Amino acid sequence: MAKWKVTVRIDSDVSRQNFNDLDSAMAAVEAAADEALSEGPLSTVKAFRDYAPDQLVKARIEVAGKGLFSPPKAGVDIQGDGGMLAFTGGVTRKPLHADSREEIFAAIRQSLEQ
């Protein structure tokens, strides 16, 4: 039985994969992030007000563990300008502070291993 689920949301497309170990799940997270970043930045969106690319989420990649009560959850938001914001939690997200790409994925892994 798979222990980790990776959910990737890019625009309106949603995909899910199951993995038996955290290493494989994190490799899938990094690959999905690279794919989203390779597509280039988003343009400004004009609605009731203007939304700059750094205010838009281009992709959300989440990793969830299996468990009945409070399974571990963490992930990364790829912003429209190419920035990345790591978070932990599901409904109530808390930011994970990291400065570089490597630190972002290390922080996600650490929060899932706790």
PDB file of N, CA and C in Angstrom:
ATOM      1  N   MET A   1       0.840  -1.186   0.000  1.00  0.00           N
ATOM      2  CA  MET A   1       0.000   0.000   0.000  1.00  0.00           C
ATOM      3  C   MET A   1       0.882   1.245   0.000  1.00  0.00           C
ATOM      4  N   ALA A   2       0.535   2.224  -0.811  1.00  0.00           N
ATOM      5  CA  ALA A   2       1.305   3.459  -0.910  1.00  0.00           C
ATOM      6  C   ALA A   2       1.200   4.265   0.379  1.00  0.00           C
ATOM      7  N   LYS A   3       2.310   4.886   0.741  1.00  0.00           N
ATOM      8  CA  LYS A   3       2.345   5.665   1.974  1.00  0.00           C
ATOM      9  C   LYS A   3       2.307   7.164   1.735  1.00  0.00           C
ATOM     10  N   TRP A   4       2.581   7.611   0.500  1.00  0.00           N
ATOM     11  CA  TRP A   4       2.644   9.029   0.200  1.00  0.00           C
ATOM     12  C   TRP A   4       1.861   9.322  -1.071  1.00  0.00           C
ATOM     13  N   LYS A   5       1.140  10.444  -1.080  1.00  0.00           N
ATOM     14  CA  LYS A   5       0.390  10.872  -2.255  1.00  0.00           C
ATOM     15  C   LYS A   5       0.875  12.257  -2.649  1.00  0.00           C
ATOM     16  N   VAL A   6       1.203  12.429  -3.925  1.00  0.00           N
ATOM     17  CA  VAL A   6       1.625  13.718  -4.466  1.00  0.00           C
ATOM     18  C   VAL A   6       0.510  14.219  -5.374  1.00  0.00           C
ATOM     19  N   THR A   7       0.026  15.427  -5.089  1.00  0.00           N
ATOM     20  CA  THR A   7      -1.007  16.071  -5.900  1.00  0.00           C
ATOM     21  C   THR A   7      -0.389  17.291  -6.562  1.00  0.00           C
ATOM     22  N   VAL A   8      -0.505  17.352  -7.881  1.00  0.00           N
ATOM     23  CA  VAL A   8       0.056  18.456  -8.652  1.00  0.00           C
ATOM     24  C   VAL A   8      -1.087  19.186  -9.330  1.00  0.00           C
ATOM     25  N   ARG A   9      -1.175  20.487  -9.062  1.00  0.00           N
ATOM     26  CA  ARG A   9      -2.184  21.344  -9.703  1.00  0.00           C
ATOM     27  C   ARG A   9      -1.455  22.408 -10.507  1.00  0.00           C
ATOM     28  N   ILE A  10      -1.588  22.325 -11.824  1.00  0.00           N
ATOM     29  CA  ILE A  10      -1.021  23.329 -12.719  1.00  0.00           C
ATOM     30  C   ILE A  10      -2.174  23.861 -13.540  1.00  0.00           C
ATOM     31  N   ASP A  11      -2.447  25.144 -13.381  1.00  0.00           N
ATOM     32  CA  ASP A  11      -3.631  25.761 -13.997  1.00  0.00           C
ATOM     33  C   ASP A  11      -4.859  24.971 -13.548  1.00  0.00           C
ATOM     34  N   SER A  12      -5.623  24.442 -14.475  1.00  0.00           N
ATOM     35  CA  SER A  12      -6.814  23.679 -14.092  1.00  0.00           C
ATOM     36  C   SER A  12      -6.580  22.175 -14.118  1.00  0.00           C
ATOM     37  N   ASP A  13      -5.372  21.745 -14.457  1.00  0.00           N
ATOM     38  CA  ASP A  13      -5.049  20.316 -14.502  1.00  0.00           C
ATOM     39  C   ASP A  13      -4.624  19.820 -13.125  1.00  0.00           C
ATOM     40  N   VAL A  14      -5.188  18.691 -12.720  1.00  0.00           N
ATOM     41  CA  VAL A  14      -4.845  18.078 -11.429  1.00  0.00           C
ATOM     42  C   VAL A  14      -4.426  16.643 -11.691  1.00  0.00           C
ATOM     43  N   SER A  15      -3.282  16.262 -11.129  1.00  0.00           N
ATOM     44  CA  SER A  15      -2.844  14.866 -11.231  1.00  0.00           C
ATOM     45  C   SER A  15      -2.409  14.386  -9.851  1.00  0.00           C
ATOM     46  N   ARG A  16      -2.574  13.100  -9.641  1.00  0.00           N
ATOM     47  CA  ARG A  16      -2.205  12.491  -8.359  1.00  0.00           C
ATOM     48  C   ARG A  16      -1.394  11.225  -8.620  1.00  0.00           C
ATOM     49  N   GLN A  17      -0.375  11.030  -7.790  1.00  0.00           N
ATOM     50  CA  GLN A  17       0.440   9.823  -7.864  1.00  0.00           C
ATOM     51  C   GLN A  17       0.665   9.310  -6.454  1.00  0.00           C
ATOM     52  N   ASN A  18       0.768   8.005  -6.318  1.00  0.00           N
ATOM     53  CA  ASN A  18       1.050   7.377  -5.028  1.00  0.00           C
ATOM     54  C   ASN A  18       2.453   6.788  -5.044  1.00  0.00           C
ATOM     55  N   PHE A  19       3.116   6.872  -3.896  1.00  0.00           N
ATOM     56  CA  PHE A  19       4.483   6.384  -3.765  1.00  0.00           C
ATOM     57  C   PHE A  19       4.628   5.612  -2.457  1.00  0.00           C
ATOM     58  N   ASN A  20       5.534   4.650  -2.464  1.00  0.00           N
ATOM     59  CA  ASN A  20       5.768   3.836  -1.271  1.00  0.00           C
ATOM     60  C   ASN A  20       6.783   4.467  -0.324  1.00  0.00           C
ATOM     61  N   ASP A  21       7.640   5.354  -0.837  1.00  0.00           N
ATOM     62  CA  ASP A  21       8.640   5.967   0.038  1.00  0.00           C
ATOM     63  C   ASP A  21       8.735   7.467  -0.224  1.00  0.00           C
ATOM     64  N   LEU A  22       9.211   8.179   0.772  1.00  0.00           N
ATOM     65  CA  LEU A  22       9.287   9.633   0.710  1.00  0.00           C
ATOM     66  C   LEU A  22      10.292  10.102  -0.334  1.00  0.00           C
ATOM     67  N   ASP A  23      11.375   9.364  -0.537  1.00  0.00           N
ATOM     68  CA  ASP A  23      12.374   9.760  -1.535  1.00  0.00           C
ATOM     69  C   ASP A  23      11.754   9.844  -2.926  1.00  0.00           C
ATOM     70  N   SER A  24      10.965   8.856  -3.292  1.00  0.00           N
ATOM     71  CA  SER A  24      10.313   8.847  -4.608  1.00  0.00           C
ATOM     72  C   SER A  24       9.292   9.975  -4.709  1.00  0.00           C
ATOM     73  N   ALA A  25       8.552  10.201  -3.643  1.00  0.00           N
ATOM     74  CA  ALA A  25       7.557  11.276  -3.635  1.00  0.00           C
ATOM     75  C   ALA A  25       8.236  12.636  -3.796  1.00  0.00           C
ATOM     76  N   MET A  26       9.333  12.863  -3.089  1.00  0.00           N
ATOM     77  CA  MET A  26      10.035  14.140  -3.184  1.00  0.00           C
ATOM     78  C   MET A  26      10.673  14.323  -4.563  1.00  0.00           C
ATOM     79  N   ALA A  27      11.128  13.252  -5.183  1.00  0.00           N
ATOM     80  CA  ALA A  27      11.664  13.340  -6.547  1.00  0.00           C
ATOM     81  C   ALA A  27      10.559  13.782  -7.508  1.00  0.00           C
ATOM     82  N   ALA A  28       9.348  13.270  -7.308  1.00  0.00           N
ATOM     83  CA  ALA A  28       8.211  13.663  -8.147  1.00  0.00           C
ATOM     84  C   ALA A  28       7.844  15.129  -7.910  1.00  0.00           C
ATOM     85  N   VAL A  29       7.936  15.583  -6.674  1.00  0.00           N
ATOM     86  CA  VAL A  29       7.651  16.986  -6.345  1.00  0.00           C
ATOM     87  C   VAL A  29       8.650  17.898  -7.056  1.00  0.00           C
ATOM     88  N   GLU A  30       9.917  17.557  -6.981  1.00  0.00           N
ATOM     89  CA  GLU A  30      10.940  18.379  -7.630  1.00  0.00           C
ATOM     90  C   GLU A  30      10.766  18.385  -9.146  1.00  0.00           C
ATOM     91  N   ALA A  31      10.434  17.238  -9.732  1.00  0.00           N
ATOM     92  CA  ALA A  31      10.224  17.166 -11.181  1.00  0.00           C
ATOM     93  C   ALA A  31       9.023  18.012 -11.602  1.00  0.00           C
ATOM     94  N   ALA A  32       7.947  17.967 -10.822  1.00  0.00           N
ATOM     95  CA  ALA A  32       6.760  18.772 -11.138  1.00  0.00           C
ATOM     96  C   ALA A  32       7.064  20.264 -11.002  1.00  0.00           C
ATOM     97  N   ALA A  33       7.848  20.626  -9.998  1.00  0.00           N
ATOM     98  CA  ALA A  33       8.227  22.032  -9.823  1.00  0.00           C
ATOM     99  C   ALA A  33       9.080  22.502 -11.003  1.00  0.00           C
ATOM    100  N   ASP A  34      10.022  21.678 -11.431  1.00  0.00           N
ATOM    101  CA  ASP A  34      10.858  22.026 -12.578  1.00  0.00           C
ATOM    102  C   ASP A  34      10.016  22.200 -13.839  1.00  0.00           C
ATOM    103  N   GLU A  35       9.027  21.322 -14.009  1.00  0.00           N
ATOM    104  CA  GLU A  35       8.142  21.414 -15.170  1.00  0.00           C
ATOM    105  C   GLU A  35       7.355  22.722 -15.155  1.00  0.00           C
ATOM    106  N   ALA A  36       6.803  23.081 -14.009  1.00  0.00           N
ATOM    107  CA  ALA A  36       6.032  24.321 -13.901  1.00  0.00           C
ATOM    108  C   ALA A  36       6.920  25.544 -14.133  1.00  0.00           C
ATOM    109  N   LEU A  37       8.137  25.501 -13.616  1.00  0.00           N
ATOM    110  CA  LEU A  37       9.050  26.628 -13.780  1.00  0.00           C
ATOM    111  C   LEU A  37       9.530  26.763 -15.225  1.00  0.00           C
ATOM    112  N   SER A  38       9.633  25.644 -15.938  1.00  0.00           N
ATOM    113  CA  SER A  38      10.134  25.683 -17.318  1.00  0.00           C
ATOM    114  C   SER A  38       9.154  26.332 -18.286  1.00  0.00           C
ATOM    115  N   GLU A  39       7.904  26.438 -17.893  1.00  0.00           N
ATOM    116  CA  GLU A  39       6.890  27.022 -18.769  1.00  0.00           C
ATOM    117  C   GLU A  39       6.965  28.551 -18.817  1.00  0.00           C
ATOM    118  N   GLY A  40       7.806  29.155 -18.008  1.00  0.00           N
ATOM    119  CA  GLY A  40       7.970  30.606 -18.032  1.00  0.00           C
ATOM    120  C   GLY A  40       6.990  31.313 -17.118  1.00  0.00           C
ATOM    121  N   PRO A  41       7.170  32.618 -16.981  1.00  0.00           N
ATOM    122  CA  PRO A  41       6.332  33.394 -16.053  1.00  0.00           C
ATOM    123  C   PRO A  41       4.926  33.641 -16.611  1.00  0.00           C
ATOM    124  N   LEU A  42       4.027  33.963 -15.699  1.00  0.00           N
ATOM    125  CA  LEU A  42       2.668  34.355 -16.077  1.00  0.00           C
ATOM    126  C   LEU A  42       2.623  35.850 -16.365  1.00  0.00           C
ATOM    127  N   SER A  43       1.608  36.272 -17.080  1.00  0.00           N
ATOM    128  CA  SER A  43       1.387  37.691 -17.345  1.00  0.00           C
ATOM    129  C   SER A  43       0.502  38.273 -16.247  1.00  0.00           C
ATOM    130  N   THR A  44       0.464  39.587 -16.173  1.00  0.00           N
ATOM    131  CA  THR A  44      -0.429  40.272 -15.236  1.00  0.00           C
ATOM    132  C   THR A  44      -1.870  39.958 -15.609  1.00  0.00           C
ATOM    133  N   VAL A  45      -2.698  39.696 -14.607  1.00  0.00           N
ATOM    134  CA  VAL A  45      -4.108  39.407 -14.818  1.00  0.00           C
ATOM    135  C   VAL A  45      -4.905  40.643 -14.430  1.00  0.00           C
ATOM    136  N   LYS A  46      -5.792  41.061 -15.312  1.00  0.00           N
ATOM    137  CA  LYS A  46      -6.633  42.225 -15.041  1.00  0.00           C
ATOM    138  C   LYS A  46      -8.053  41.735 -14.796  1.00  0.00           C
ATOM    139  N   ALA A  47      -8.540  41.964 -13.598  1.00  0.00           N
ATOM    140  CA  ALA A  47      -9.911  41.611 -13.238  1.00  0.00           C
ATOM    141  C   ALA A  47     -10.514  42.866 -12.604  1.00  0.00           C
ATOM    142  N   PHE A  48     -11.047  42.746 -11.412  1.00  0.00           N
ATOM    143  CA  PHE A  48     -11.520  43.932 -10.708  1.00  0.00           C
ATOM    144  C   PHE A  48     -10.354  44.831 -10.343  1.00  0.00           C
ATOM    145  N   ARG A  49      -9.199  44.212 -10.234  1.00  0.00           N
ATOM    146  CA  ARG A  49      -7.951  44.942 -10.038  1.00  0.00           C
ATOM    147  C   ARG A  49      -6.862  44.160 -10.752  1.00  0.00           C
ATOM    148  N   ASP A  50      -5.679  44.707 -10.817  1.00  0.00           N
ATOM    149  CA  ASP A  50      -4.578  44.025 -11.488  1.00  0.00           C
ATOM    150  C   ASP A  50      -3.850  43.110 -10.505  1.00  0.00           C
ATOM    151  N   TYR A  51      -3.522  41.907 -10.983  1.00  0.00           N
ATOM    152  CA  TYR A  51      -2.761  40.945 -10.193  1.00  0.00           C
ATOM    153  C   TYR A  51      -1.425  40.732 -10.884  1.00  0.00           C
ATOM    154  N   ALA A  52      -0.352  41.128 -10.217  1.00  0.00           N
ATOM    155  CA  ALA A  52       0.989  40.950 -10.759  1.00  0.00           C
ATOM    156  C   ALA A  52       1.366  39.468 -10.697  1.00  0.00           C
ATOM    157  N   PRO A  53       2.314  39.031 -11.525  1.00  0.00           N
ATOM    158  CA  PRO A  53       2.700  37.617 -11.519  1.00  0.00           C
ATOM    159  C   PRO A  53       3.118  37.090 -10.141  1.00  0.00           C
ATOM    160  N   ASP A  54       3.741  37.941  -9.313  1.00  0.00           N
ATOM    161  CA  ASP A  54       4.158  37.462  -7.989  1.00  0.00           C
ATOM    162  C   ASP A  54       2.981  37.279  -7.027  1.00  0.00           C
ATOM    163  N   GLN A  55       1.788  37.732  -7.429  1.00  0.00           N
ATOM    164  CA  GLN A  55       0.582  37.560  -6.610  1.00  0.00           C
ATOM    165  C   GLN A  55      -0.241  36.354  -7.068  1.00  0.00           C
ATOM    166  N   LEU A  56       0.185  35.702  -8.131  1.00  0.00           N
ATOM    167  CA  LEU A  56      -0.554  34.569  -8.693  1.00  0.00           C
ATOM    168  C   LEU A  56       0.155  33.258  -8.387  1.00  0.00           C
ATOM    169  N   VAL A  57      -0.611  32.207  -8.194  1.00  0.00           N
ATOM    170  CA  VAL A  57      -0.047  30.875  -8.008  1.00  0.00           C
ATOM    171  C   VAL A  57      -0.213  30.122  -9.319  1.00  0.00           C
ATOM    172  N   LYS A  58       0.910  29.770  -9.917  1.00  0.00           N
ATOM    173  CA  LYS A  58       0.916  29.051 -11.189  1.00  0.00           C
ATOM    174  C   LYS A  58       0.690  27.565 -10.980  1.00  0.00           C
ATOM    175  N   ALA A  59       1.276  27.025  -9.920  1.00  0.00           N
ATOM    176  CA  ALA A  59       1.150  25.597  -9.628  1.00  0.00           C
ATOM    177  C   ALA A  59       1.226  25.375  -8.125  1.00  0.00           C
ATOM    178  N   ARG A  60       0.507  24.368  -7.652  1.00  0.00           N
ATOM    179  CA  ARG A  60       0.590  23.954  -6.252  1.00  0.00           C
ATOM    180  C   ARG A  60       0.900  22.466  -6.249  1.00  0.00           C
ATOM    181  N   ILE A  61       1.937  22.106  -5.536  1.00  0.00           N
ATOM    182  CA  ILE A  61       2.375  20.711  -5.464  1.00  0.00           C
ATOM    183  C   ILE A  61       2.363  20.312  -4.000  1.00  0.00           C
ATOM    184  N   GLU A  62       1.563  19.291  -3.669  1.00  0.00           N
ATOM    185  CA  GLU A  62       1.391  18.872  -2.274  1.00  0.00           C
ATOM    186  C   GLU A  62       1.797  17.414  -2.104  1.00  0.00           C
ATOM    187  N   VAL A  63       2.366  17.123  -0.949  1.00  0.00           N
ATOM    188  CA  VAL A  63       2.688  15.753  -0.552  1.00  0.00           C
ATOM    189  C   VAL A  63       1.914  15.462   0.721  1.00  0.00           C
ATOM    190  N   ALA A  64       1.222  14.338   0.742  1.00  0.00           N
ATOM    191  CA  ALA A  64       0.458  13.956   1.933  1.00  0.00           C
ATOM    192  C   ALA A  64       0.814  12.531   2.303  1.00  0.00           C
ATOM    193  N   GLY A  65       1.009  12.304   3.591  1.00  0.00           N
ATOM    194  CA  GLY A  65       1.246  10.967   4.098  1.00  0.00           C
ATOM    195  C   GLY A  65      -0.078  10.282   4.372  1.00  0.00           C
ATOM    196  N   LYS A  66      -0.016   9.017   4.617  1.00  0.00           N
ATOM    197  CA  LYS A  66      -1.220   8.255   4.944  1.00  0.00           C
ATOM    198  C   LYS A  66      -1.372   8.211   6.457  1.00  0.00           C
ATOM    199  N   GLY A  67      -2.577   8.202   6.899  1.00  0.00           N
ATOM    200  CA  GLY A  67      -2.848   8.120   8.319  1.00  0.00           C
ATOM    201  C   GLY A  67      -4.272   8.514   8.609  1.00  0.00           C
ATOM    202  N   LEU A  68      -4.799   7.999   9.688  1.00  0.00           N
ATOM    203  CA  LEU A  68      -6.186   8.265  10.038  1.00  0.00           C
ATOM    204  C   LEU A  68      -6.360   9.650  10.660  1.00  0.00           C
ATOM    205  N   PHE A  69      -5.459  10.004  11.565  1.00  0.00           N
ATOM    206  CA  PHE A  69      -5.556  11.296  12.253  1.00  0.00           C
ATOM    207  C   PHE A  69      -4.352  12.158  11.906  1.00  0.00           C
ATOM    208  N   SER A  70      -4.605  13.324  11.370  1.00  0.00           N
ATOM    209  CA  SER A  70      -3.578  14.318  11.058  1.00  0.00           C
ATOM    210  C   SER A  70      -2.382  13.757  10.291  1.00  0.00           C
ATOM    211  N   PRO A  71      -2.603  13.241   9.093  1.00  0.00           N
ATOM    212  CA  PRO A  71      -1.449  12.779   8.309  1.00  0.00           C
ATOM    213  C   PRO A  71      -0.574  13.974   7.939  1.00  0.00           C
ATOM    214  N   PRO A  72       0.724  13.760   7.805  1.00  0.00           N
ATOM    215  CA  PRO A  72       1.601  14.882   7.462  1.00  0.00           C
ATOM    216  C   PRO A  72       1.297  15.398   6.058  1.00  0.00           C
ATOM    217  N   LYS A  73       1.325  16.726   5.911  1.00  0.00           N
ATOM    218  CA  LYS A  73       1.088  17.374   4.621  1.00  0.00           C
ATOM    219  C   LYS A  73       2.025  18.554   4.485  1.00  0.00           C
ATOM    220  N   ALA A  74       2.579  18.711   3.293  1.00  0.00           N
ATOM    221  CA  ALA A  74       3.428  19.857   2.998  1.00  0.00           C
ATOM    222  C   ALA A  74       3.487  20.011   1.485  1.00  0.00           C
ATOM    223  N   GLY A  75       4.031  21.130   1.038  1.00  0.00           N
ATOM    224  CA  GLY A  75       4.130  21.330  -0.399  1.00  0.00           C
ATOM    225  C   GLY A  75       4.771  22.646  -0.753  1.00  0.00           C
ATOM    226  N   VAL A  76       4.612  22.998  -2.022  1.00  0.00           N
ATOM    227  CA  VAL A  76       5.208  24.225  -2.535  1.00  0.00           C
ATOM    228  C   VAL A  76       4.262  24.858  -3.543  1.00  0.00           C
ATOM    229  N   ASP A  77       4.167  26.180  -3.470  1.00  0.00           N
ATOM    230  CA  ASP A  77       3.434  26.963  -4.463  1.00  0.00           C
ATOM    231  C   ASP A  77       4.460  27.575  -5.409  1.00  0.00           C
ATOM    232  N   ILE A  78       4.230  27.408  -6.706  1.00  0.00           N
ATOM    233  CA  ILE A  78       5.061  28.057  -7.709  1.00  0.00           C
ATOM    234  C   ILE A  78       4.328  29.323  -8.118  1.00  0.00           C
ATOM    235  N   GLN A  79       4.940  30.457  -7.867  1.00  0.00           N
ATOM    236  CA  GLN A  79       4.303  31.736  -8.167  1.00  0.00           C
ATOM    237  C   GLN A  79       4.460  32.075  -9.650  1.00  0.00           C
ATOM    238  N   GLY A  80       3.626  32.987 -10.110  1.00  0.00           N
ATOM    239  CA  GLY A  80       3.633  33.380 -11.505  1.00  0.00           C
ATOM    240  C   GLY A  80       4.921  34.010 -11.980  1.00  0.00           C
ATOM    241  N   ASP A  81       5.724  34.551 -11.056  1.00  0.00           N
ATOM    242  CA  ASP A  81       7.007  35.146 -11.426  1.00  0.00           C
ATOM    243  C   ASP A  81       8.172  34.171 -11.302  1.00  0.00           C
ATOM    244  N   GLY A  82       7.880  32.903 -10.968  1.00  0.00           N
ATOM    245  CA  GLY A  82       8.925  31.892 -10.833  1.00  0.00           C
ATOM    246  C   GLY A  82       9.404  31.688  -9.412  1.00  0.00           C
ATOM    247  N   GLY A  83       8.881  32.435  -8.473  1.00  0.00           N
ATOM    248  CA  GLY A  83       9.246  32.248  -7.071  1.00  0.00           C
ATOM    249  C   GLY A  83       8.582  31.002  -6.504  1.00  0.00           C
ATOM    250  N   MET A  84       9.125  30.496  -5.414  1.00  0.00           N
ATOM    251  CA  MET A  84       8.565  29.309  -4.769  1.00  0.00           C
ATOM    252  C   MET A  84       8.335  29.590  -3.295  1.00  0.00           C
ATOM    253  N   LEU A  85       7.164  29.175  -2.797  1.00  0.00           N
ATOM    254  CA  LEU A  85       6.817  29.313  -1.387  1.00  0.00           C
ATOM    255  C   LEU A  85       6.477  27.944  -0.831  1.00  0.00           C
ATOM    256  N   ALA A  86       7.252  27.488   0.133  1.00  0.00           N
ATOM    257  CA  ALA A  86       6.991  26.197   0.760  1.00  0.00           C
ATOM    258  C   ALA A  86       6.023  26.374   1.913  1.00  0.00           C
ATOM    259  N   PHE A  87       5.210  25.325   2.165  1.00  0.00           N
ATOM    260  CA  PHE A  87       4.247  25.383   3.261  1.00  0.00           C
ATOM    261  C   PHE A  87       4.089  24.000   3.878  1.00  0.00           C
ATOM    262  N   THR A  88       3.555  24.001   5.070  1.00  0.00           N
ATOM    263  CA  THR A  88       3.200  22.763   5.742  1.00  0.00           C
ATOM    264  C   THR A  88       1.757  22.885   6.191  1.00  0.00           C
ATOM    265  N   GLY A  89       1.081  21.756   6.277  1.00  0.00           N
ATOM    266  CA  GLY A  89      -0.311  21.748   6.689  1.00  0.00           C
ATOM    267  C   GLY A  89      -1.247  21.615   5.509  1.00  0.00           C
ATOM    268  N   GLY A  90      -2.497  21.309   5.817  1.00  0.00           N
ATOM    269  CA  GLY A  90      -3.502  21.125   4.783  1.00  0.00           C
ATOM    270  C   GLY A  90      -4.409  22.331   4.684  1.00  0.00           C
ATOM    271  N   VAL A  91      -5.478  22.326   5.456  1.00  0.00           N
ATOM    272  CA  VAL A  91      -6.425  23.438   5.427  1.00  0.00           C
ATOM    273  C   VAL A  91      -5.782  24.697   5.990  1.00  0.00           C
ATOM    274  N   THR A  92      -5.107  24.562   7.111  1.00  0.00           N
ATOM    275  CA  THR A  92      -4.396  25.681   7.719  1.00  0.00           C
ATOM    276  C   THR A  92      -2.927  25.549   7.343  1.00  0.00           C
ATOM    277  N   ARG A  93      -2.487  26.340   6.393  1.00  0.00           N
ATOM    278  CA  ARG A  93      -1.104  26.265   5.918  1.00  0.00           C
ATOM    279  C   ARG A  93      -0.228  27.229   6.705  1.00  0.00           C
ATOM    280  N   LYS A  94       0.975  26.763   7.001  1.00  0.00           N
ATOM    281  CA  LYS A  94       1.983  27.608   7.638  1.00  0.00           C
ATOM    282  C   LYS A  94       3.179  27.676   6.699  1.00  0.00           C
ATOM    283  N   PRO A  95       3.716  28.864   6.469  1.00  0.00           N
ATOM    284  CA  PRO A  95       4.872  28.966   5.567  1.00  0.00           C
ATOM    285  C   PRO A  95       6.107  28.309   6.171  1.00  0.00           C
ATOM    286  N   LEU A  96       6.907  27.716   5.321  1.00  0.00           N
ATOM    287  CA  LEU A  96       8.210  27.186   5.706  1.00  0.00           C
ATOM    288  C   LEU A  96       9.248  28.159   5.158  1.00  0.00           C
ATOM    289  N   HIS A  97      10.087  28.670   6.010  1.00  0.00           N
ATOM    290  CA  HIS A  97      11.044  29.688   5.590  1.00  0.00           C
ATOM    291  C   HIS A  97      12.286  29.021   5.007  1.00  0.00           C
ATOM    292  N   ALA A  98      12.579  29.367   3.773  1.00  0.00           N
ATOM    293  CA  ALA A  98      13.746  28.844   3.078  1.00  0.00           C
ATOM    294  C   ALA A  98      14.154  29.863   2.021  1.00  0.00           C
ATOM    295  N   ASP A  99      15.449  29.952   1.781  1.00  0.00           N
ATOM    296  CA  ASP A  99      15.956  30.960   0.852  1.00  0.00           C
ATOM    297  C   ASP A  99      16.287  30.418  -0.530  1.00  0.00           C
ATOM    298  N   SER A 100      16.682  29.165  -0.616  1.00  0.00           N
ATOM    299  CA  SER A 100      17.088  28.606  -1.899  1.00  0.00           C
ATOM    300  C   SER A 100      16.224  27.402  -2.252  1.00  0.00           C
ATOM    301  N   ARG A 101      16.348  26.961  -3.486  1.00  0.00           N
ATOM    302  CA  ARG A 101      15.596  25.800  -3.964  1.00  0.00           C
ATOM    303  C   ARG A 101      15.880  24.580  -3.088  1.00  0.00           C
ATOM    304  N   GLU A 102      17.132  24.339  -2.804  1.00  0.00           N
ATOM    305  CA  GLU A 102      17.516  23.180  -2.000  1.00  0.00           C
ATOM    306  C   GLU A 102      16.923  23.267  -0.601  1.00  0.00           C
ATOM    307  N   GLU A 103      16.938  24.455  -0.015  1.00  0.00           N
ATOM    308  CA  GLU A 103      16.381  24.648   1.318  1.00  0.00           C
ATOM    309  C   GLU A 103      14.868  24.447   1.329  1.00  0.00           C
ATOM    310  N   ILE A 104      14.197  24.846   0.244  1.00  0.00           N
ATOM    311  CA  ILE A 104      12.750  24.670   0.160  1.00  0.00           C
ATOM    312  C   ILE A 104      12.390  23.195   0.223  1.00  0.00           C
ATOM    313  N   PHE A 105      13.040  22.379  -0.611  1.00  0.00           N
ATOM    314  CA  PHE A 105      12.721  20.951  -0.637  1.00  0.00           C
ATOM    315  C   PHE A 105      13.190  20.235   0.631  1.00  0.00           C
ATOM    316  N   ALA A 106      14.284  20.702   1.225  1.00  0.00           N
ATOM    317  CA  ALA A 106      14.732  20.140   2.499  1.00  0.00           C
ATOM    318  C   ALA A 106      13.734  20.454   3.612  1.00  0.00           C
ATOM    319  N   ALA A 107      13.173  21.673   3.607  1.00  0.00           N
ATOM    320  CA  ALA A 107      12.189  22.059   4.627  1.00  0.00           C
ATOM    321  C   ALA A 107      10.908  21.244   4.476  1.00  0.00           C
ATOM    322  N   ILE A 108      10.488  21.000   3.236  1.00  0.00           N
ATOM    323  CA  ILE A 108       9.296  20.177   3.009  1.00  0.00           C
ATOM    324  C   ILE A 108       9.536  18.763   3.539  1.00  0.00           C
ATOM    325  N   ARG A 109      10.666  18.185   3.183  1.00  0.00           N
ATOM    326  CA  ARG A 109      10.999  16.825   3.647  1.00  0.00           C
ATOM    327  C   ARG A 109      11.043  16.761   5.166  1.00  0.00           C
ATOM    328  N   GLN A 110      11.665  17.742   5.785  1.00  0.00           N
ATOM    329  CA  GLN A 110      11.789  17.749   7.245  1.00  0.00           C
ATOM    330  C   GLN A 110      10.415  17.829   7.905  1.00  0.00           C
ATOM    331  N   SER A 111       9.522  18.651   7.368  1.00  0.00           N
ATOM    332  CA  SER A 111       8.187  18.773   7.972  1.00  0.00           C
ATOM    333  C   SER A 111       7.380  17.479   7.812  1.00  0.00           C
ATOM    334  N   LEU A 112       7.616  16.744   6.739  1.00  0.00           N
ATOM    335  CA  LEU A 112       6.909  15.476   6.523  1.00  0.00           C
ATOM    336  C   LEU A 112       7.466  14.353   7.390  1.00  0.00           C
ATOM    337  N   GLU A 113       8.738  14.424   7.726  1.00  0.00           N
ATOM    338  CA  GLU A 113       9.373  13.379   8.533  1.00  0.00           C
ATOM    339  C   GLU A 113       9.076  13.509  10.013  1.00  0.00           C
ATOM    340  N   GLN A 114       8.550  14.658  10.432  1.00  0.00           N
ATOM    341  CA  GLN A 114       8.288  14.862  11.870  1.00  0.00           C
ATOM    342  C   GLN A 114       7.069  14.087  12.313  1.00  0.00           C
TER     343      GLN A 114
END
